[in-house]
Amino acid sequence: MSEKKRSSPPQISPYVFPALLAGFGLWCLYDGFFSTDPAMQEHLLFNRIAAAVLLPWAVFDFFRTRKREQAERMAEKQPEHSEE
């Protein structure tokens, strides 16, 4: 019987989460500060607080992810040293 190798599922980028945070943060920023829609007036405080939380979180997570990616790349380049 021949066994077929199953391909692994595609990996998603580690930058998807910071991008989603930034997208939601920008949306809340627009609704909280720039929207003139009268129906959004009752949600101003929520959108302003959400923008103030989500946008810095997105920036922080972006730099943390980039730092982790660079550390992994450097670890792959350097050969492991075994101490005897």
C-alpha atoms as a PDB file:
ATOM      1  CA  MET A   1       0.000   0.000   0.000  1.00  0.00           C
ATOM      2  CA  SER A   2       1.335   3.349  -0.906  1.00  0.00           C
ATOM      3  CA  GLU A   3       0.938   6.193   1.484  1.00  0.00           C
ATOM      4  CA  LYS A   4       0.459   9.625   0.046  1.00  0.00           C
ATOM      5  CA  LYS A   5       2.126  12.532   1.721  1.00  0.00           C
ATOM      6  CA  ARG A   6      -0.384  15.062   2.836  1.00  0.00           C
ATOM      7  CA  SER A   7       0.623  18.631   2.316  1.00  0.00           C
ATOM      8  CA  SER A   8       0.494  20.828   5.345  1.00  0.00           C
ATOM      9  CA  PRO A   9      -2.089  23.590   5.419  1.00  0.00           C
ATOM     10  CA  PRO A  10      -0.842  27.015   4.419  1.00  0.00           C
ATOM     11  CA  GLN A  11       0.598  29.060   7.231  1.00  0.00           C
ATOM     12  CA  ILE A  12      -0.921  32.446   7.892  1.00  0.00           C
ATOM     13  CA  SER A  13       1.327  35.400   8.443  1.00  0.00           C
ATOM     14  CA  PRO A  14       2.046  36.365  12.042  1.00  0.00           C
ATOM     15  CA  TYR A  15       1.205  39.930  11.021  1.00  0.00           C
ATOM     16  CA  VAL A  16      -2.499  39.148  10.501  1.00  0.00           C
ATOM     17  CA  PHE A  17      -3.419  39.902  14.120  1.00  0.00           C
ATOM     18  CA  PRO A  18      -1.689  43.321  14.226  1.00  0.00           C
ATOM     19  CA  ALA A  19      -3.314  44.169  10.882  1.00  0.00           C
ATOM     20  CA  LEU A  20      -6.764  43.266  12.218  1.00  0.00           C
ATOM     21  CA  LEU A  21      -6.162  45.307  15.370  1.00  0.00           C
ATOM     22  CA  ALA A  22      -5.070  48.297  13.279  1.00  0.00           C
ATOM     23  CA  GLY A  23      -8.083  47.919  10.982  1.00  0.00           C
ATOM     24  CA  PHE A  24     -10.556  47.846  13.852  1.00  0.00           C
ATOM     25  CA  GLY A  25      -8.681  50.671  15.567  1.00  0.00           C
ATOM     26  CA  LEU A  26      -8.869  52.857  12.457  1.00  0.00           C
ATOM     27  CA  TRP A  27     -12.544  52.058  12.093  1.00  0.00           C
ATOM     28  CA  CYS A  28     -13.195  53.105  15.699  1.00  0.00           C
ATOM     29  CA  LEU A  29     -11.011  56.187  15.201  1.00  0.00           C
ATOM     30  CA  TYR A  30     -13.116  57.255  12.235  1.00  0.00           C
ATOM     31  CA  ASP A  31     -16.428  56.561  13.982  1.00  0.00           C
ATOM     32  CA  GLY A  32     -15.289  58.242  17.193  1.00  0.00           C
ATOM     33  CA  PHE A  33     -13.697  61.400  15.835  1.00  0.00           C
ATOM     34  CA  PHE A  34     -14.530  62.026  12.163  1.00  0.00           C
ATOM     35  CA  SER A  35     -17.980  60.572  11.478  1.00  0.00           C
ATOM     36  CA  THR A  36     -20.856  63.016  11.188  1.00  0.00           C
ATOM     37  CA  ASP A  37     -23.527  60.301  11.204  1.00  0.00           C
ATOM     38  CA  PRO A  38     -26.107  61.236  13.872  1.00  0.00           C
ATOM     39  CA  ALA A  39     -26.731  57.570  14.680  1.00  0.00           C
ATOM     40  CA  MET A  40     -23.088  57.177  15.760  1.00  0.00           C
ATOM     41  CA  GLN A  41     -23.283  59.990  18.326  1.00  0.00           C
ATOM     42  CA  GLU A  42     -24.434  57.604  21.040  1.00  0.00           C
ATOM     43  CA  HIS A  43     -21.331  55.424  20.467  1.00  0.00           C
ATOM     44  CA  LEU A  44     -18.707  58.198  20.497  1.00  0.00           C
ATOM     45  CA  LEU A  45     -17.180  57.368  23.862  1.00  0.00           C
ATOM     46  CA  PHE A  46     -16.941  53.643  23.104  1.00  0.00           C
ATOM     47  CA  ASN A  47     -15.284  54.272  19.727  1.00  0.00           C
ATOM     48  CA  ARG A  48     -12.829  56.778  21.148  1.00  0.00           C
ATOM     49  CA  ILE A  49     -11.774  54.432  23.950  1.00  0.00           C
ATOM     50  CA  ALA A  50     -11.574  51.475  21.547  1.00  0.00           C
ATOM     51  CA  ALA A  51      -9.373  53.478  19.167  1.00  0.00           C
ATOM     52  CA  ALA A  52      -7.141  54.539  22.062  1.00  0.00           C
ATOM     53  CA  VAL A  53      -6.698  50.890  23.068  1.00  0.00           C
ATOM     54  CA  LEU A  54      -6.566  49.100  19.708  1.00  0.00           C
ATOM     55  CA  LEU A  55      -4.147  51.345  17.808  1.00  0.00           C
ATOM     56  CA  PRO A  56      -1.313  51.295  20.392  1.00  0.00           C
ATOM     57  CA  TRP A  57      -1.897  47.562  20.863  1.00  0.00           C
ATOM     58  CA  ALA A  58      -1.526  47.047  17.090  1.00  0.00           C
ATOM     59  CA  VAL A  59       1.738  49.016  17.017  1.00  0.00           C
ATOM     60  CA  PHE A  60       3.104  47.167  20.043  1.00  0.00           C
ATOM     61  CA  ASP A  61       2.143  43.765  18.630  1.00  0.00           C
ATOM     62  CA  PHE A  62       3.617  44.619  15.206  1.00  0.00           C
ATOM     63  CA  PHE A  63       7.027  45.432  16.692  1.00  0.00           C
ATOM     64  CA  ARG A  64       6.898  42.429  19.029  1.00  0.00           C
ATOM     65  CA  THR A  65       6.092  40.130  16.091  1.00  0.00           C
ATOM     66  CA  ARG A  66       8.839  41.667  13.960  1.00  0.00           C
ATOM     67  CA  LYS A  67      11.359  41.221  16.778  1.00  0.00           C
ATOM     68  CA  ARG A  68      10.334  37.570  17.195  1.00  0.00           C
ATOM     69  CA  GLU A  69      10.601  36.949  13.434  1.00  0.00           C
ATOM     70  CA  GLN A  70      14.104  38.463  13.335  1.00  0.00           C
ATOM     71  CA  ALA A  71      15.188  36.379  16.325  1.00  0.00           C
ATOM     72  CA  GLU A  72      13.933  33.211  14.635  1.00  0.00           C
ATOM     73  CA  ARG A  73      15.774  34.108  11.421  1.00  0.00           C
ATOM     74  CA  MET A  74      18.996  34.725  13.341  1.00  0.00           C
ATOM     75  CA  ALA A  75      18.603  31.418  15.195  1.00  0.00           C
ATOM     76  CA  GLU A  76      18.224  29.589  11.874  1.00  0.00           C
ATOM     77  CA  LYS A  77      21.387  31.207  10.470  1.00  0.00           C
ATOM     78  CA  GLN A  78      23.624  30.459  13.442  1.00  0.00           C
ATOM     79  CA  PRO A  79      24.808  26.878  13.864  1.00  0.00           C
ATOM     80  CA  GLU A  80      24.209  25.389  17.267  1.00  0.00           C
ATOM     81  CA  HIS A  81      27.304  25.052  19.399  1.00  0.00           C
ATOM     82  CA  SER A  82      27.534  21.969  21.535  1.00  0.00           C
ATOM     83  CA  GLU A  83      29.593  22.217  24.689  1.00  0.00           C
ATOM     84  CA  GLU A  84      31.439  19.103  25.664  1.00  0.00           C
END
